[in-house]
Amino acid sequence: MSMQALLREVFEDTADFASLRTNAQGQATHTFRLPHNITSWRLTTSGVTTDLYAGNNVQNIIVTNRMFVHYSLSDTFLVGDRPTMGVNVYGTGLTGDERVNFEVWSEAVPEEVLRASGVAFERVNIPLREMTKEGEHALIIQATTSNGLNDAVRHSYRVVNSHRLVDIPVFYNVTRGTVFEAGRQGLTNITFTDAGRGQFLYELLGMRRVRGASSPTRVYLCTTFRKSLTSISCDSSSFTTASKWRICSRSMSYSSWYLCSNF
């Protein structure tokens, strides 16, 4: 590993946003640091006076290097995946005859370096090591050309055991100061119900995944309990086959009601 290039790792869609007050001549100065994107930024300015005269202006700011790394690699993998990364270099400082040396290593294990070589502008495929550890990781991708130019990029990625996501219901006996556990990603739905209704919620939510479903169904109790459960509301718009539901019972007791599907 020969880390010499400035590491580019801050990549944003919006570089900066600020509100300024000008002087009497309508001038203002603002300084900020650009992210590491190789791109053309659109600088949009809008102004308004105290007597409500307004105007705006748009300019482009080109940000580039004489040589920069360009690569293709996913940011999510499964445990056991053996991905291949495609990488090449571009830039105004290249003619196409330069030799390019590529180095790739894990941020966690910098001494294990993968190396490949090629020619400027041409694609080089680098097989990566097997993804064995679940969690958040990062690779450093560095390129050095024969005319002395270099560039390095940090690529963050995540390794998971499965792409399959399942909604998991968690039940609480709510008291003052209760703190709810939120999911690590996506939305968390919180449903409040009285203890009478809530005694059936666990079983009903456990039945919501049925054959032919394209996504989980949300089941809610929609009436109060008297002597028996009288009604259940089901959102089945996402189902491909099991689109009709009925209430089945073997007796009039609370524990004998079931949510059944018509296939």
Protein backbone atom coordinates (compact mmCIF):
# COMPACT_ATOMS: atom_id res chain seq x y z
CA MET A 1 0.00 0.00 0.00
CA SER A 2 1.40 3.36 -1.03
CA MET A 3 -1.06 5.99 0.23
CA GLN A 4 0.04 9.28 -1.34
CA ALA A 5 -3.06 10.74 -2.98
CA LEU A 6 -5.58 12.96 -1.23
CA LEU A 7 -8.41 10.66 -0.16
CA ARG A 8 -11.78 11.69 -1.57
CA GLU A 9 -14.55 10.54 0.75
CA VAL A 10 -17.09 13.36 1.15
CA PHE A 11 -19.75 13.07 -1.56
CA GLU A 12 -22.89 15.20 -1.38
CA ASP A 13 -25.84 16.13 -3.61
CA THR A 14 -26.00 19.64 -2.16
CA ALA A 15 -22.68 21.34 -1.52
CA ASP A 16 -23.91 24.24 0.63
CA PHE A 17 -26.91 26.40 1.47
CA ALA A 18 -26.64 29.78 3.14
CA SER A 19 -28.52 33.05 3.70
CA LEU A 20 -26.47 36.26 3.56
CA ARG A 21 -27.02 39.98 4.11
CA THR A 22 -25.30 42.24 1.59
CA ASN A 23 -23.68 45.60 2.12
CA ALA A 24 -25.07 48.86 0.74
CA GLN A 25 -23.61 48.04 -2.69
CA GLY A 26 -25.44 44.69 -2.80
CA GLN A 27 -22.25 42.65 -2.24
CA ALA A 28 -21.71 39.73 0.12
CA THR A 29 -18.96 37.14 0.58
CA HIS A 30 -19.43 33.53 1.61
CA THR A 31 -16.72 30.86 1.90
CA PHE A 32 -17.39 27.12 2.08
CA ARG A 33 -15.61 23.85 1.34
CA LEU A 34 -16.80 21.85 -1.65
CA PRO A 35 -17.40 18.10 -1.33
CA HIS A 36 -15.11 15.69 -3.17
CA ASN A 37 -17.46 15.04 -6.10
CA ILE A 38 -15.98 15.26 -9.60
CA THR A 39 -18.83 17.17 -11.20
CA SER A 40 -20.24 20.50 -12.35
CA TRP A 41 -21.98 22.27 -9.48
CA ARG A 42 -24.88 24.60 -10.20
CA LEU A 43 -24.55 27.77 -8.15
CA THR A 44 -27.94 29.45 -7.76
CA THR A 45 -28.22 32.83 -6.06
CA SER A 46 -31.42 34.72 -5.30
CA GLY A 47 -31.77 38.13 -3.69
CA VAL A 48 -34.53 40.39 -2.45
CA THR A 49 -34.40 43.98 -1.21
CA THR A 50 -36.24 45.53 1.68
CA ASP A 51 -38.62 47.18 -0.80
CA LEU A 52 -39.29 43.77 -2.45
CA TYR A 53 -37.20 44.02 -5.62
CA ALA A 54 -35.83 40.56 -6.43
CA GLY A 55 -33.45 38.83 -8.81
CA ASN A 56 -31.54 35.59 -9.31
CA ASN A 57 -28.56 34.17 -11.18
CA VAL A 58 -27.29 30.68 -12.07
CA GLN A 59 -23.68 29.71 -12.82
CA ASN A 60 -21.78 26.43 -13.11
CA ILE A 61 -18.69 25.57 -11.09
CA ILE A 62 -16.64 22.76 -12.63
CA VAL A 63 -14.71 20.64 -10.12
CA THR A 64 -12.23 18.08 -11.43
CA ASN A 65 -8.73 16.61 -11.12
CA ARG A 66 -6.14 16.15 -13.83
CA MET A 67 -6.70 12.45 -13.18
CA PHE A 68 -9.52 10.83 -11.21
CA VAL A 69 -10.70 7.32 -10.40
CA HIS A 70 -14.00 6.08 -11.81
CA TYR A 71 -15.37 2.73 -10.60
CA SER A 72 -18.52 0.59 -10.43
CA LEU A 73 -19.38 -1.26 -7.23
CA SER A 74 -22.57 -1.85 -5.26
CA ASP A 75 -22.96 -0.50 -1.74
CA THR A 76 -24.84 -3.57 -0.41
CA PHE A 77 -23.73 -7.22 -0.46
CA LEU A 78 -24.79 -10.55 0.96
CA VAL A 79 -22.53 -12.61 3.19
CA GLY A 80 -20.72 -14.99 0.82
CA ASP A 81 -20.72 -12.63 -2.20
CA ARG A 82 -17.52 -12.41 -4.25
CA PRO A 83 -17.97 -9.14 -6.19
CA THR A 84 -15.83 -7.82 -9.02
CA MET A 85 -15.14 -4.11 -9.21
CA GLY A 86 -14.71 -2.34 -12.55
CA VAL A 87 -12.31 0.61 -12.38
CA ASN A 88 -10.63 3.05 -14.76
CA VAL A 89 -9.25 6.59 -14.76
CA TYR A 90 -10.11 9.75 -16.66
CA GLY A 91 -8.87 13.33 -16.64
CA THR A 92 -7.48 16.22 -18.64
CA GLY A 93 -3.95 15.26 -17.62
CA LEU A 94 -4.12 11.97 -19.54
CA THR A 95 -3.48 11.21 -23.20
CA GLY A 96 -4.40 7.52 -23.18
CA ASP A 97 -0.85 6.14 -23.32
CA GLU A 98 -0.19 6.23 -19.57
CA ARG A 99 0.12 3.04 -17.55
CA VAL A 100 -2.10 2.92 -14.46
CA ASN A 101 -1.50 0.96 -11.25
CA PHE A 102 -4.58 0.27 -9.14
CA GLU A 103 -4.55 -0.66 -5.45
CA VAL A 104 -7.58 -1.69 -3.42
CA TRP A 105 -7.67 -2.51 0.28
CA SER A 106 -10.12 -2.75 3.14
CA GLU A 107 -10.03 0.13 5.57
CA ALA A 108 -10.08 -2.42 8.41
CA VAL A 109 -7.21 -4.51 6.96
CA PRO A 110 -4.91 -2.06 5.13
CA GLU A 111 -2.05 -4.52 4.84
CA GLU A 112 -4.02 -6.81 2.50
CA VAL A 113 -3.78 -4.97 -0.82
CA LEU A 114 -5.23 -6.10 -4.16
CA ARG A 115 -3.29 -4.82 -7.18
CA ALA A 116 -4.01 -4.54 -10.89
CA SER A 117 -2.68 -2.51 -13.80
CA GLY A 118 -3.98 -1.14 -17.06
CA VAL A 119 -3.96 1.80 -19.44
CA ALA A 120 -5.59 5.19 -19.01
CA PHE A 121 -9.30 5.29 -19.96
CA GLU A 122 -9.52 1.47 -20.27
CA ARG A 123 -11.60 -0.63 -17.90
CA VAL A 124 -9.89 -3.01 -15.47
CA ASN A 125 -11.85 -5.63 -13.50
CA ILE A 126 -10.57 -6.44 -10.00
CA PRO A 127 -12.05 -9.50 -8.19
CA LEU A 128 -12.60 -8.67 -4.53
CA ARG A 129 -12.39 -10.99 -1.55
CA GLU A 130 -15.43 -12.87 -0.24
CA MET A 131 -17.77 -10.88 1.96
CA THR A 132 -17.67 -12.76 5.25
CA LYS A 133 -18.53 -10.27 7.98
CA GLU A 134 -21.91 -8.63 8.36
CA GLY A 135 -21.93 -4.89 9.05
CA GLU A 136 -20.63 -1.57 7.73
CA HIS A 137 -17.29 -1.56 5.88
CA ALA A 138 -15.18 0.59 3.55
CA LEU A 139 -12.71 0.10 0.71
CA ILE A 140 -9.93 2.44 -0.38
CA ILE A 141 -9.42 2.56 -4.16
CA GLN A 142 -6.23 4.24 -5.35
CA ALA A 143 -4.81 4.79 -8.84
CA THR A 144 -1.34 6.03 -9.81
CA THR A 145 -0.33 6.81 -13.40
CA SER A 146 3.07 6.62 -15.08
CA ASN A 147 3.15 10.43 -15.48
CA GLY A 148 2.96 10.95 -11.72
CA LEU A 149 -0.76 11.62 -11.17
CA ASN A 150 -2.78 9.90 -8.45
CA ASP A 151 -6.22 9.79 -6.90
CA ALA A 152 -7.88 7.79 -4.10
CA VAL A 153 -11.55 7.24 -3.18
CA ARG A 154 -13.21 5.77 -0.10
CA HIS A 155 -16.19 3.50 -0.86
CA SER A 156 -18.55 2.60 2.00
CA TYR A 157 -20.67 -0.55 1.77
CA ARG A 158 -22.84 -2.79 3.90
CA VAL A 159 -22.88 -6.59 4.19
CA VAL A 160 -26.13 -8.29 5.26
CA ASN A 161 -27.18 -11.90 5.81
CA SER A 162 -30.34 -11.49 3.73
CA HIS A 163 -32.14 -8.93 1.59
CA ARG A 164 -35.46 -10.20 2.90
CA LEU A 165 -37.12 -7.79 5.34
CA VAL A 166 -39.87 -8.85 7.72
CA ASP A 167 -42.01 -6.62 9.90
CA ILE A 168 -41.63 -7.70 13.53
CA PRO A 169 -44.30 -6.69 16.04
CA VAL A 170 -43.09 -5.73 19.52
CA PHE A 171 -45.61 -5.40 22.33
CA TYR A 172 -45.41 -3.14 25.39
CA ASN A 173 -47.48 -2.64 28.49
CA VAL A 174 -47.40 1.14 28.31
CA THR A 175 -46.58 3.05 31.45
CA ARG A 176 -45.34 6.57 32.10
CA GLY A 177 -41.86 6.93 30.62
CA THR A 178 -42.12 3.93 28.24
CA VAL A 179 -39.52 4.18 25.43
CA PHE A 180 -40.33 2.41 22.15
CA GLU A 181 -37.66 0.58 20.18
CA ALA A 182 -37.42 1.84 16.58
CA GLY A 183 -36.29 -0.14 13.54
CA ARG A 184 -32.78 0.37 12.18
CA GLN A 185 -34.18 1.36 8.78
CA GLY A 186 -37.51 2.18 7.17
CA LEU A 187 -40.62 3.33 9.06
CA THR A 188 -41.77 2.20 12.48
CA ASN A 189 -45.55 2.05 12.98
CA ILE A 190 -46.86 2.43 16.53
CA THR A 191 -50.42 1.27 17.26
CA PHE A 192 -52.10 2.00 20.60
CA THR A 193 -54.92 -0.24 21.77
CA ASP A 194 -56.62 -1.02 25.07
CA ALA A 195 -55.75 -4.19 26.92
CA GLY A 196 -58.96 -5.86 25.84
CA ARG A 197 -58.31 -5.50 22.14
CA GLY A 198 -54.59 -5.96 22.51
CA GLN A 199 -54.89 -9.56 23.69
CA PHE A 200 -55.70 -10.60 20.09
CA LEU A 201 -53.23 -8.35 18.27
CA TYR A 202 -50.19 -10.62 18.59
CA GLU A 203 -51.96 -13.63 17.05
CA LEU A 204 -53.50 -11.58 14.24
CA LEU A 205 -50.25 -9.92 13.25
CA GLY A 206 -48.61 -13.34 13.17
CA MET A 207 -51.10 -14.45 10.46
CA ARG A 208 -50.64 -11.48 8.13
CA ARG A 209 -48.08 -13.16 5.83
CA VAL A 210 -49.98 -15.56 3.60
CA ARG A 211 -49.32 -17.34 0.32
CA GLY A 212 -49.38 -14.98 -2.66
CA ALA A 213 -48.74 -11.82 -0.64
CA SER A 214 -46.39 -9.29 -2.18
CA SER A 215 -46.00 -7.37 1.09
CA PRO A 216 -47.19 -7.65 4.70
CA THR A 217 -50.82 -6.87 5.46
CA ARG A 218 -51.68 -4.53 8.27
CA VAL A 219 -54.47 -5.89 10.43
CA TYR A 220 -56.28 -3.73 12.95
CA LEU A 221 -59.13 -4.44 15.37
CA CYS A 222 -61.84 -1.97 14.46
CA THR A 223 -64.63 -2.50 17.02
CA THR A 224 -64.85 -2.68 20.77
CA PHE A 225 -65.14 -5.99 22.60
CA ARG A 226 -68.42 -6.84 24.15
CA LYS A 227 -69.29 -10.53 24.41
CA SER A 228 -67.37 -11.48 21.29
CA LEU A 229 -65.17 -10.08 18.53
CA THR A 230 -67.46 -8.63 15.89
CA SER A 231 -65.32 -7.13 13.15
CA ILE A 232 -61.79 -7.01 11.72
CA SER A 233 -60.48 -4.57 9.12
CA CYS A 234 -57.81 -5.78 6.69
CA ASP A 235 -55.84 -3.85 4.06
CA SER A 236 -55.43 -6.46 1.32
CA SER A 237 -54.73 -4.19 -1.67
CA SER A 238 -51.18 -5.52 -2.00
CA PHE A 239 -52.18 -9.16 -2.31
CA THR A 240 -51.88 -11.03 -5.60
CA THR A 241 -54.15 -13.97 -4.80
CA ALA A 242 -55.44 -13.83 -1.22
CA SER A 243 -57.58 -10.73 -1.61
CA LYS A 244 -60.65 -11.87 0.29
CA TRP A 245 -60.89 -12.46 4.00
CA ARG A 246 -63.54 -13.86 6.33
CA ILE A 247 -64.02 -14.22 10.05
CA CYS A 248 -64.11 -17.84 11.24
CA SER A 249 -65.13 -19.03 14.69
CA ARG A 250 -65.73 -22.32 16.42
CA SER A 251 -67.50 -20.85 19.41
CA MET A 252 -68.47 -17.47 20.84
CA SER A 253 -65.56 -17.30 23.27
CA TYR A 254 -62.78 -14.75 22.89
CA SER A 255 -60.07 -17.33 22.19
CA SER A 256 -61.90 -19.04 19.34
CA TRP A 257 -61.85 -16.32 16.70
CA TYR A 258 -59.54 -16.74 13.69
CA LEU A 259 -58.67 -14.64 10.67
CA CYS A 260 -58.92 -16.88 7.60
CA SER A 261 -58.09 -16.25 3.94
CA ASN A 262 -59.93 -17.41 0.84
CA PHE A 263 -57.42 -18.65 -1.78
